[in-house]
Structure formats: structure tokens, C-alpha cells
PDB file of N, CA and C in Angstrom:
ATOM      1  N   MET A   1       2.899 -10.393  -4.774  1.00  0.00           N
ATOM      2  CA  MET A   1       3.567 -11.468  -4.072  1.00  0.00           C
ATOM      3  C   MET A   1       4.515 -10.871  -3.016  1.00  0.00           C
ATOM      4  N   LEU A   2       5.259  -9.824  -3.352  1.00  0.00           N
ATOM      5  CA  LEU A   2       6.213  -9.242  -2.423  1.00  0.00           C
ATOM      6  C   LEU A   2       5.496  -8.703  -1.184  1.00  0.00           C
ATOM      7  N   PRO A   3       4.333  -8.004  -1.301  1.00  0.00           N
ATOM      8  CA  PRO A   3       3.694  -7.542  -0.059  1.00  0.00           C
ATOM      9  C   PRO A   3       3.282  -8.654   0.853  1.00  0.00           C
ATOM     10  N   ILE A   4       2.895  -9.783   0.309  1.00  0.00           N
ATOM     11  CA  ILE A   4       2.543 -10.915   1.164  1.00  0.00           C
ATOM     12  C   ILE A   4       3.738 -11.414   1.932  1.00  0.00           C
ATOM     13  N   VAL A   5       4.849 -11.540   1.259  1.00  0.00           N
ATOM     14  CA  VAL A   5       6.098 -11.975   1.913  1.00  0.00           C
ATOM     15  C   VAL A   5       6.502 -10.980   2.987  1.00  0.00           C
ATOM     16  N   LEU A   6       6.351  -9.699   2.718  1.00  0.00           N
ATOM     17  CA  LEU A   6       6.714  -8.677   3.726  1.00  0.00           C
ATOM     18  C   LEU A   6       5.749  -8.687   4.911  1.00  0.00           C
ATOM     19  N   TYR A   7       4.421  -8.915   4.649  1.00  0.00           N
ATOM     20  CA  TYR A   7       3.508  -9.046   5.752  1.00  0.00           C
ATOM     21  C   TYR A   7       3.858 -10.249   6.633  1.00  0.00           C
ATOM     22  N   VAL A   8       4.222 -11.367   6.020  1.00  0.00           N
ATOM     23  CA  VAL A   8       4.652 -12.545   6.783  1.00  0.00           C
ATOM     24  C   VAL A   8       5.931 -12.232   7.584  1.00  0.00           C
ATOM     25  N   LEU A   9       6.859 -11.541   6.977  1.00  0.00           N
ATOM     26  CA  LEU A   9       8.085 -11.190   7.697  1.00  0.00           C
ATOM     27  C   LEU A   9       7.772 -10.285   8.872  1.00  0.00           C
ATOM     28  N   GLY A  10       6.882  -9.284   8.664  1.00  0.00           N
ATOM     29  CA  GLY A  10       6.502  -8.383   9.759  1.00  0.00           C
ATOM     30  C   GLY A  10       5.804  -9.140  10.889  1.00  0.00           C
ATOM     31  N   ALA A  11       4.903 -10.050  10.515  1.00  0.00           N
ATOM     32  CA  ALA A  11       4.204 -10.858  11.524  1.00  0.00           C
ATOM     33  C   ALA A  11       5.192 -11.751  12.288  1.00  0.00           C
ATOM     34  N   ALA A  12       6.177 -12.325  11.569  1.00  0.00           N
ATOM     35  CA  ALA A  12       7.161 -13.154  12.225  1.00  0.00           C
ATOM     36  C   ALA A  12       7.998 -12.349  13.223  1.00  0.00           C
ATOM     37  N   LEU A  13       8.350 -11.114  12.839  1.00  0.00           N
ATOM     38  CA  LEU A  13       9.111 -10.269  13.757  1.00  0.00           C
ATOM     39  C   LEU A  13       8.286  -9.944  14.984  1.00  0.00           C
ATOM     40  N   LEU A  14       7.013  -9.593  14.816  1.00  0.00           N
ATOM     41  CA  LEU A  14       6.161  -9.314  15.948  1.00  0.00           C
ATOM     42  C   LEU A  14       5.941 -10.544  16.807  1.00  0.00           C
ATOM     43  N   LEU A  15       5.763 -11.672  16.195  1.00  0.00           N
ATOM     44  CA  LEU A  15       5.587 -12.936  16.941  1.00  0.00           C
ATOM     45  C   LEU A  15       6.891 -13.226  17.700  1.00  0.00           C
ATOM     46  N   GLY A  16       8.021 -13.061  17.081  1.00  0.00           N
ATOM     47  CA  GLY A  16       9.291 -13.238  17.784  1.00  0.00           C
ATOM     48  C   GLY A  16       9.448 -12.336  18.994  1.00  0.00           C
ATOM     49  N   ALA A  17       9.008 -11.080  18.852  1.00  0.00           N
ATOM     50  CA  ALA A  17       9.073 -10.143  19.985  1.00  0.00           C
ATOM     51  C   ALA A  17       8.147 -10.624  21.105  1.00  0.00           C
ATOM     52  N   GLY A  18       6.963 -11.088  20.722  1.00  0.00           N
ATOM     53  CA  GLY A  18       6.050 -11.568  21.765  1.00  0.00           C
ATOM     54  C   GLY A  18       6.567 -12.804  22.461  1.00  0.00           C
ATOM     55  N   LEU A  19       7.115 -13.756  21.682  1.00  0.00           N
ATOM     56  CA  LEU A  19       7.621 -14.939  22.326  1.00  0.00           C
ATOM     57  C   LEU A  19       8.859 -14.669  23.171  1.00  0.00           C
ATOM     58  N   ALA A  20       9.696 -13.747  22.740  1.00  0.00           N
ATOM     59  CA  ALA A  20      10.870 -13.389  23.524  1.00  0.00           C
ATOM     60  C   ALA A  20      10.419 -12.707  24.830  1.00  0.00           C
ATOM     61  N   ALA A  21       9.444 -11.879  24.798  1.00  0.00           N
ATOM     62  CA  ALA A  21       8.935 -11.216  26.009  1.00  0.00           C
ATOM     63  C   ALA A  21       8.274 -12.221  26.932  1.00  0.00           C
ATOM     64  N   LEU A  22       7.535 -13.186  26.376  1.00  0.00           N
ATOM     65  CA  LEU A  22       6.847 -14.145  27.252  1.00  0.00           C
ATOM     66  C   LEU A  22       7.762 -15.171  27.843  1.00  0.00           C
ATOM     67  N   THR A  23       8.739 -15.635  27.080  1.00  0.00           N
ATOM     68  CA  THR A  23       9.600 -16.727  27.575  1.00  0.00           C
ATOM     69  C   THR A  23      10.795 -16.210  28.375  1.00  0.00           C
ATOM     70  N   GLY A  24      11.166 -14.947  28.164  1.00  0.00           N
ATOM     71  CA  GLY A  24      12.315 -14.403  28.853  1.00  0.00           C
ATOM     72  C   GLY A  24      13.626 -14.677  28.113  1.00  0.00           C
ATOM     73  N   LEU A  25      13.557 -15.402  27.019  1.00  0.00           N
ATOM     74  CA  LEU A  25      14.754 -15.656  26.222  1.00  0.00           C
ATOM     75  C   LEU A  25      14.956 -14.527  25.242  1.00  0.00           C
ATOM     76  N   PHE A  26      16.185 -14.111  25.059  1.00  0.00           N
ATOM     77  CA  PHE A  26      16.504 -13.066  24.085  1.00  0.00           C
ATOM     78  C   PHE A  26      15.721 -11.769  24.351  1.00  0.00           C
ATOM     79  N   VAL A  27      15.521 -11.429  25.620  1.00  0.00           N
ATOM     80  CA  VAL A  27      14.755 -10.224  26.008  1.00  0.00           C
ATOM     81  C   VAL A  27      15.413  -8.972  25.460  1.00  0.00           C
ATOM     82  N   ALA A  28      16.695  -8.996  25.280  1.00  0.00           N
ATOM     83  CA  ALA A  28      17.420  -7.783  24.788  1.00  0.00           C
ATOM     84  C   ALA A  28      16.999  -7.481  23.372  1.00  0.00           C
ATOM     85  N   PHE A  29      16.483  -8.464  22.604  1.00  0.00           N
ATOM     86  CA  PHE A  29      16.080  -8.218  21.241  1.00  0.00           C
ATOM     87  C   PHE A  29      14.617  -7.790  21.071  1.00  0.00           C
ATOM     88  N   VAL A  30      13.837  -7.755  22.154  1.00  0.00           N
ATOM     89  CA  VAL A  30      12.428  -7.425  22.070  1.00  0.00           C
ATOM     90  C   VAL A  30      12.189  -6.046  21.416  1.00  0.00           C
ATOM     91  N   PRO A  31      12.887  -4.996  21.884  1.00  0.00           N
ATOM     92  CA  PRO A  31      12.631  -3.677  21.252  1.00  0.00           C
ATOM     93  C   PRO A  31      12.933  -3.649  19.756  1.00  0.00           C
ATOM     94  N   GLN A  32      14.040  -4.286  19.363  1.00  0.00           N
ATOM     95  CA  GLN A  32      14.413  -4.291  17.947  1.00  0.00           C
ATOM     96  C   GLN A  32      13.403  -5.105  17.146  1.00  0.00           C
ATOM     97  N   LEU A  33      13.027  -6.228  17.635  1.00  0.00           N
ATOM     98  CA  LEU A  33      12.025  -7.067  16.897  1.00  0.00           C
ATOM     99  C   LEU A  33      10.669  -6.348  16.795  1.00  0.00           C
ATOM    100  N   LEU A  34      10.279  -5.742  17.909  1.00  0.00           N
ATOM    101  CA  LEU A  34       9.001  -5.034  17.910  1.00  0.00           C
ATOM    102  C   LEU A  34       9.022  -3.844  16.969  1.00  0.00           C
ATOM    103  N   LEU A  35      10.051  -3.054  17.025  1.00  0.00           N
ATOM    104  CA  LEU A  35      10.130  -1.904  16.148  1.00  0.00           C
ATOM    105  C   LEU A  35      10.230  -2.280  14.697  1.00  0.00           C
ATOM    106  N   ALA A  36      11.022  -3.304  14.362  1.00  0.00           N
ATOM    107  CA  ALA A  36      11.149  -3.754  12.953  1.00  0.00           C
ATOM    108  C   ALA A  36       9.821  -4.301  12.477  1.00  0.00           C
ATOM    109  N   GLY A  37       9.145  -5.147  13.260  1.00  0.00           N
ATOM    110  CA  GLY A  37       7.858  -5.675  12.859  1.00  0.00           C
ATOM    111  C   GLY A  37       6.813  -4.625  12.638  1.00  0.00           C
ATOM    112  N   LEU A  38       6.732  -3.674  13.551  1.00  0.00           N
ATOM    113  CA  LEU A  38       5.751  -2.595  13.401  1.00  0.00           C
ATOM    114  C   LEU A  38       6.081  -1.730  12.184  1.00  0.00           C
ATOM    115  N   LEU A  39       7.373  -1.457  11.981  1.00  0.00           N
ATOM    116  CA  LEU A  39       7.767  -0.652  10.822  1.00  0.00           C
ATOM    117  C   LEU A  39       7.350  -1.288   9.520  1.00  0.00           C
ATOM    118  N   VAL A  40       7.554  -2.606   9.397  1.00  0.00           N
ATOM    119  CA  VAL A  40       7.230  -3.294   8.156  1.00  0.00           C
ATOM    120  C   VAL A  40       5.718  -3.347   7.946  1.00  0.00           C
ATOM    121  N   VAL A  41       4.929  -3.727   8.975  1.00  0.00           N
ATOM    122  CA  VAL A  41       3.500  -3.849   8.855  1.00  0.00           C
ATOM    123  C   VAL A  41       2.824  -2.498   8.634  1.00  0.00           C
ATOM    124  N   VAL A  42       3.176  -1.498   9.430  1.00  0.00           N
ATOM    125  CA  VAL A  42       2.587  -0.166   9.274  1.00  0.00           C
ATOM    126  C   VAL A  42       2.998   0.461   7.944  1.00  0.00           C
ATOM    127  N   GLY A  43       4.232   0.282   7.523  1.00  0.00           N
ATOM    128  CA  GLY A  43       4.684   0.805   6.250  1.00  0.00           C
ATOM    129  C   GLY A  43       3.909   0.200   5.090  1.00  0.00           C
ATOM    130  N   LEU A  44       3.678  -1.087   5.145  1.00  0.00           N
ATOM    131  CA  LEU A  44       2.884  -1.717   4.078  1.00  0.00           C
ATOM    132  C   LEU A  44       1.431  -1.258   4.080  1.00  0.00           C
ATOM    133  N   ALA A  45       0.856  -1.071   5.267  1.00  0.00           N
ATOM    134  CA  ALA A  45      -0.510  -0.594   5.367  1.00  0.00           C
ATOM    135  C   ALA A  45      -0.633   0.789   4.783  1.00  0.00           C
ATOM    136  N   ILE A  46       0.318   1.648   5.103  1.00  0.00           N
ATOM    137  CA  ILE A  46       0.286   3.048   4.556  1.00  0.00           C
ATOM    138  C   ILE A  46       0.496   2.992   3.067  1.00  0.00           C
ATOM    139  N   GLU A  47       1.391   2.156   2.564  1.00  0.00           N
ATOM    140  CA  GLU A  47       1.606   2.052   1.113  1.00  0.00           C
ATOM    141  C   GLU A  47       0.363   1.615   0.387  1.00  0.00           C
ATOM    142  N   ARG A  48      -0.377   0.651   0.935  1.00  0.00           N
ATOM    143  CA  ARG A  48      -1.581   0.165   0.268  1.00  0.00           C
ATOM    144  C   ARG A  48      -2.651   1.224   0.317  1.00  0.00           C
ATOM    145  N   TRP A  49      -2.709   2.020   1.387  1.00  0.00           N
ATOM    146  CA  TRP A  49      -3.682   3.056   1.498  1.00  0.00           C
ATOM    147  C   TRP A  49      -3.363   4.249   0.599  1.00  0.00           C
ATOM    148  N   ARG A  50      -2.124   4.576   0.501  1.00  0.00           N
ATOM    149  CA  ARG A  50      -1.699   5.791  -0.214  1.00  0.00           C
ATOM    150  C   ARG A  50      -1.640   5.580  -1.750  1.00  0.00           C
ATOM    151  N   TYR A  51      -1.073   4.488  -2.172  1.00  0.00           N
ATOM    152  CA  TYR A  51      -0.873   4.242  -3.600  1.00  0.00           C
ATOM    153  C   TYR A  51      -1.965   3.304  -4.119  1.00  0.00           C
ATOM    154  N   LYS A  52      -2.862   3.875  -4.886  1.00  0.00           N
ATOM    155  CA  LYS A  52      -3.981   3.088  -5.377  1.00  0.00           C
ATOM    156  C   LYS A  52      -3.642   2.430  -6.747  1.00  0.00           C
ATOM    157  N   PRO A  53      -4.140   1.269  -7.014  1.00  0.00           N
ATOM    158  CA  PRO A  53      -3.877   0.599  -8.286  1.00  0.00           C
ATOM    159  C   PRO A  53      -4.621   1.265  -9.433  1.00  0.00           C
ATOM    160  N   LEU A  54      -4.163   0.990 -10.635  1.00  0.00           N
ATOM    161  CA  LEU A  54      -4.815   1.521 -11.809  1.00  0.00           C
ATOM    162  C   LEU A  54      -6.120   0.735 -12.048  1.00  0.00           C
ATOM    163  N   ILE A  55      -7.148   1.432 -12.538  1.00  0.00           N
ATOM    164  CA  ILE A  55      -8.416   0.802 -12.879  1.00  0.00           C
ATOM    165  C   ILE A  55      -8.467   0.643 -14.411  1.00  0.00           C
ATOM    166  N   ASP A  56      -8.696  -0.638 -14.812  1.00  0.00           N
ATOM    167  CA  ASP A  56      -8.732  -0.912 -16.246  1.00  0.00           C
ATOM    168  C   ASP A  56     -10.067  -0.601 -16.893  1.00  0.00           C
ATOM    169  N   THR A  57     -11.137  -0.633 -16.103  1.00  0.00           N
ATOM    170  CA  THR A  57     -12.445  -0.333 -16.673  1.00  0.00           C
ATOM    171  C   THR A  57     -12.667   1.154 -16.755  1.00  0.00           C
ATOM    172  N   GLY A  58     -13.704   1.564 -17.465  1.00  0.00           N
ATOM    173  CA  GLY A  58     -13.976   2.993 -17.609  1.00  0.00           C
ATOM    174  C   GLY A  58     -14.340   3.633 -16.283  1.00  0.00           C
ATOM    175  N   PRO A  59     -14.246   4.974 -16.243  1.00  0.00           N
ATOM    176  CA  PRO A  59     -14.530   5.645 -14.976  1.00  0.00           C
ATOM    177  C   PRO A  59     -16.015   5.662 -14.653  1.00  0.00           C
ATOM    178  N   ASP A  60     -16.329   5.814 -13.403  1.00  0.00           N
ATOM    179  CA  ASP A  60     -17.710   5.971 -12.948  1.00  0.00           C
ATOM    180  C   ASP A  60     -18.272   7.300 -13.522  1.00  0.00           C
ATOM    181  N   PRO A  61     -19.533   7.304 -13.982  1.00  0.00           N
ATOM    182  CA  PRO A  61     -20.068   8.518 -14.553  1.00  0.00           C
ATOM    183  C   PRO A  61     -20.102   9.700 -13.564  1.00  0.00           C
ATOM    184  N   ALA A  62     -20.106   9.447 -12.292  1.00  0.00           N
ATOM    185  CA  ALA A  62     -20.147  10.496 -11.280  1.00  0.00           C
ATOM    186  C   ALA A  62     -18.788  11.185 -11.081  1.00  0.00           C
ATOM    187  N   TRP A  63     -17.737  10.534 -11.553  1.00  0.00           N
ATOM    188  CA  TRP A  63     -16.397  11.100 -11.362  1.00  0.00           C
ATOM    189  C   TRP A  63     -16.130  12.232 -12.351  1.00  0.00           C
ATOM    190  N   THR A  64     -15.335  13.187 -11.954  1.00  0.00           N
ATOM    191  CA  THR A  64     -14.987  14.343 -12.778  1.00  0.00           C
ATOM    192  C   THR A  64     -13.567  14.168 -13.280  1.00  0.00           C
ATOM    193  N   ASP A  65     -13.376  14.336 -14.577  1.00  0.00           N
ATOM    194  CA  ASP A  65     -12.022  14.263 -15.168  1.00  0.00           C
ATOM    195  C   ASP A  65     -11.244  15.508 -14.788  1.00  0.00           C
ATOM    196  N   THR A  66     -10.080  15.315 -14.187  1.00  0.00           N
ATOM    197  CA  THR A  66      -9.266  16.456 -13.768  1.00  0.00           C
ATOM    198  C   THR A  66      -8.410  16.990 -14.913  1.00  0.00           C
ATOM    199  N   GLY A  67      -8.313  16.235 -15.994  1.00  0.00           N
ATOM    200  CA  GLY A  67      -7.469  16.623 -17.083  1.00  0.00           C
ATOM    201  C   GLY A  67      -6.009  16.219 -16.955  1.00  0.00           C
ATOM    202  N   GLU A  68      -5.679  15.656 -15.775  1.00  0.00           N
ATOM    203  CA  GLU A  68      -4.303  15.215 -15.568  1.00  0.00           C
ATOM    204  C   GLU A  68      -4.062  13.910 -16.305  1.00  0.00           C
ATOM    205  N   ARG A  69      -2.933  13.821 -16.968  1.00  0.00           N
ATOM    206  CA  ARG A  69      -2.510  12.615 -17.645  1.00  0.00           C
ATOM    207  C   ARG A  69      -1.033  12.396 -17.375  1.00  0.00           C
ATOM    208  N   PHE A  70      -0.660  11.178 -17.156  1.00  0.00           N
ATOM    209  CA  PHE A  70       0.751  10.854 -16.978  1.00  0.00           C
ATOM    210  C   PHE A  70       0.960   9.371 -17.311  1.00  0.00           C
ATOM    211  N   VAL A  71       2.213   9.046 -17.579  1.00  0.00           N
ATOM    212  CA  VAL A  71       2.557   7.663 -17.836  1.00  0.00           C
ATOM    213  C   VAL A  71       2.984   7.027 -16.521  1.00  0.00           C
ATOM    214  N   ASP A  72       2.242   5.986 -16.119  1.00  0.00           N
ATOM    215  CA  ASP A  72       2.530   5.299 -14.859  1.00  0.00           C
ATOM    216  C   ASP A  72       3.889   4.621 -14.977  1.00  0.00           C
ATOM    217  N   PRO A  73       4.835   4.970 -14.065  1.00  0.00           N
ATOM    218  CA  PRO A  73       6.167   4.435 -14.162  1.00  0.00           C
ATOM    219  C   PRO A  73       6.244   2.924 -13.973  1.00  0.00           C
ATOM    220  N   SER A  74       5.341   2.324 -13.186  1.00  0.00           N
ATOM    221  CA  SER A  74       5.428   0.911 -12.926  1.00  0.00           C
ATOM    222  C   SER A  74       4.862   0.075 -14.079  1.00  0.00           C
ATOM    223  N   SER A  75       3.835   0.608 -14.794  1.00  0.00           N
ATOM    224  CA  SER A  75       3.241  -0.219 -15.853  1.00  0.00           C
ATOM    225  C   SER A  75       3.539   0.362 -17.251  1.00  0.00           C
ATOM    226  N   GLY A  76       3.937   1.638 -17.350  1.00  0.00           N
ATOM    227  CA  GLY A  76       4.220   2.244 -18.597  1.00  0.00           C
ATOM    228  C   GLY A  76       2.964   2.651 -19.363  1.00  0.00           C
ATOM    229  N   ARG A  77       1.798   2.608 -18.712  1.00  0.00           N
ATOM    230  CA  ARG A  77       0.516   2.943 -19.376  1.00  0.00           C
ATOM    231  C   ARG A  77       0.125   4.376 -19.093  1.00  0.00           C
ATOM    232  N   LEU A  78      -0.533   4.963 -20.097  1.00  0.00           N
ATOM    233  CA  LEU A  78      -1.058   6.330 -19.932  1.00  0.00           C
ATOM    234  C   LEU A  78      -2.215   6.297 -18.928  1.00  0.00           C
ATOM    235  N   THR A  79      -2.159   7.191 -17.977  1.00  0.00           N
ATOM    236  CA  THR A  79      -3.133   7.141 -16.867  1.00  0.00           C
ATOM    237  C   THR A  79      -3.883   8.498 -16.803  1.00  0.00           C
ATOM    238  N   ALA A  80      -5.175   8.396 -16.617  1.00  0.00           N
ATOM    239  CA  ALA A  80      -6.026   9.615 -16.426  1.00  0.00           C
ATOM    240  C   ALA A  80      -6.448   9.658 -15.014  1.00  0.00           C
ATOM    241  N   VAL A  81      -6.535  10.902 -14.450  1.00  0.00           N
ATOM    242  CA  VAL A  81      -6.900  11.099 -13.048  1.00  0.00           C
ATOM    243  C   VAL A  81      -8.313  11.620 -12.990  1.00  0.00           C
ATOM    244  N   TYR A  82      -9.154  10.979 -12.180  1.00  0.00           N
ATOM    245  CA  TYR A  82     -10.529  11.401 -11.974  1.00  0.00           C
ATOM    246  C   TYR A  82     -10.749  11.713 -10.528  1.00  0.00           C
ATOM    247  N   PHE A  83     -11.689  12.635 -10.244  1.00  0.00           N
ATOM    248  CA  PHE A  83     -12.008  13.098  -8.899  1.00  0.00           C
ATOM    249  C   PHE A  83     -13.433  12.638  -8.576  1.00  0.00           C
ATOM    250  N   ASP A  84     -13.652  12.060  -7.405  1.00  0.00           N
ATOM    251  CA  ASP A  84     -14.973  11.637  -6.958  1.00  0.00           C
ATOM    252  C   ASP A  84     -15.486  12.686  -5.986  1.00  0.00           C
ATOM    253  N   PRO A  85     -16.460  13.541  -6.419  1.00  0.00           N
ATOM    254  CA  PRO A  85     -16.953  14.579  -5.526  1.00  0.00           C
ATOM    255  C   PRO A  85     -17.715  14.081  -4.289  1.00  0.00           C
ATOM    256  N   ARG A  86     -18.174  12.818  -4.349  1.00  0.00           N
ATOM    257  CA  ARG A  86     -18.931  12.256  -3.221  1.00  0.00           C
ATOM    258  C   ARG A  86     -18.034  12.087  -2.001  1.00  0.00           C
ATOM    259  N   ASP A  87     -16.820  11.540  -2.211  1.00  0.00           N
ATOM    260  CA  ASP A  87     -15.967  11.289  -1.055  1.00  0.00           C
ATOM    261  C   ASP A  87     -14.588  11.976  -1.136  1.00  0.00           C
ATOM    262  N   GLY A  88     -14.343  12.726  -2.217  1.00  0.00           N
ATOM    263  CA  GLY A  88     -13.093  13.425  -2.336  1.00  0.00           C
ATOM    264  C   GLY A  88     -11.926  12.581  -2.789  1.00  0.00           C
ATOM    265  N   ALA A  89     -12.164  11.346  -3.195  1.00  0.00           N
ATOM    266  CA  ALA A  89     -11.094  10.432  -3.581  1.00  0.00           C
ATOM    267  C   ALA A  89     -10.646  10.695  -5.034  1.00  0.00           C
ATOM    268  N   ARG A  90      -9.391  10.409  -5.295  1.00  0.00           N
ATOM    269  CA  ARG A  90      -8.853  10.465  -6.635  1.00  0.00           C
ATOM    270  C   ARG A  90      -8.742   9.042  -7.122  1.00  0.00           C
ATOM    271  N   HIS A  91      -9.074   8.844  -8.424  1.00  0.00           N
ATOM    272  CA  HIS A  91      -9.026   7.500  -9.005  1.00  0.00           C
ATOM    273  C   HIS A  91      -8.173   7.581 -10.255  1.00  0.00           C
ATOM    274  N   TYR A  92      -7.367   6.550 -10.430  1.00  0.00           N
ATOM    275  CA  TYR A  92      -6.411   6.481 -11.549  1.00  0.00           C
ATOM    276  C   TYR A  92      -6.890   5.440 -12.515  1.00  0.00           C
ATOM    277  N   VAL A  93      -7.247   5.880 -13.725  1.00  0.00           N
ATOM    278  CA  VAL A  93      -7.845   5.016 -14.732  1.00  0.00           C
ATOM    279  C   VAL A  93      -6.926   4.961 -15.954  1.00  0.00           C
ATOM    280  N   VAL A  94      -6.766   3.762 -16.503  1.00  0.00           N
ATOM    281  CA  VAL A  94      -5.983   3.645 -17.721  1.00  0.00           C
ATOM    282  C   VAL A  94      -6.652   4.387 -18.837  1.00  0.00           C
ATOM    283  N   ALA A  95      -5.965   5.351 -19.444  1.00  0.00           N
ATOM    284  CA  ALA A  95      -6.532   6.183 -20.506  1.00  0.00           C
ATOM    285  C   ALA A  95      -6.253   5.530 -21.871  1.00  0.00           C
ATOM    286  N   PRO A  96      -7.204   5.652 -22.755  1.00  0.00           N
ATOM    287  CA  PRO A  96      -6.946   5.089 -24.117  1.00  0.00           C
ATOM    288  C   PRO A  96      -5.930   6.000 -24.812  1.00  0.00           C
ATOM    289  N   ARG A  97      -5.069   5.353 -25.576  1.00  0.00           N
ATOM    290  CA  ARG A  97      -4.042   6.114 -26.377  1.00  0.00           C
ATOM    291  C   ARG A  97      -4.761   6.843 -27.474  1.00  0.00           C
ATOM    292  N   ARG A  98      -4.334   8.062 -27.765  1.00  0.00           N
ATOM    293  CA  ARG A  98      -4.954   8.835 -28.851  1.00  0.00           C
ATOM    294  C   ARG A  98      -4.114   8.819 -30.075  1.00  0.00           C
TER     295      ARG A  98
END
């Protein structure tokens, strides 16, 4: 829910910068609105690309178990890390408790 609100906020800032530039009103605020809007939208895009969600289902048979295990701080669940040799991606799968 929060990312959606932040995307709307970023879009509103960018829209405000565009309207200010087109209408000539509040032109002094265009750089600040543009920079803030871009910062929010690009930051969210990087966050979604960089931090992958946990996978509840079992791993793909082609993935290799790296042996890494950690407790995910946001969910508190034990997480196993798998490597996909086809594209080099790392996948985070909920590990069964032993």
C-alpha cells in the first residue's frame, strides 16, 4: 500500500512541475518539484528492482542452493538463498524450519 501512495505522490510532484512550467505560475518551484518527484519515483523503482520478495513455494529445480540462510527482518521467517545459473539471479525462498 505504501509504495502505491509514494508512486502517486511522485507522480503528483512531477505533474505539478509540468503544470508550473507550462502555466508560468510558481516557476521558481519547478526544479524542486521535478527533483523531488524524480527522486521518489526512481527510488521506488530501484527499491523494487533491488529487493526481491520472498517466494513461498519451493525452489525451481534448476536453481542451486547457496547454503545461505538468514531470518528475514521484515517477516521474521527463515530464508534460503538460491542461485539461478541461467540468468545469474538470486532467489529468496522461505525455508522450512528444522
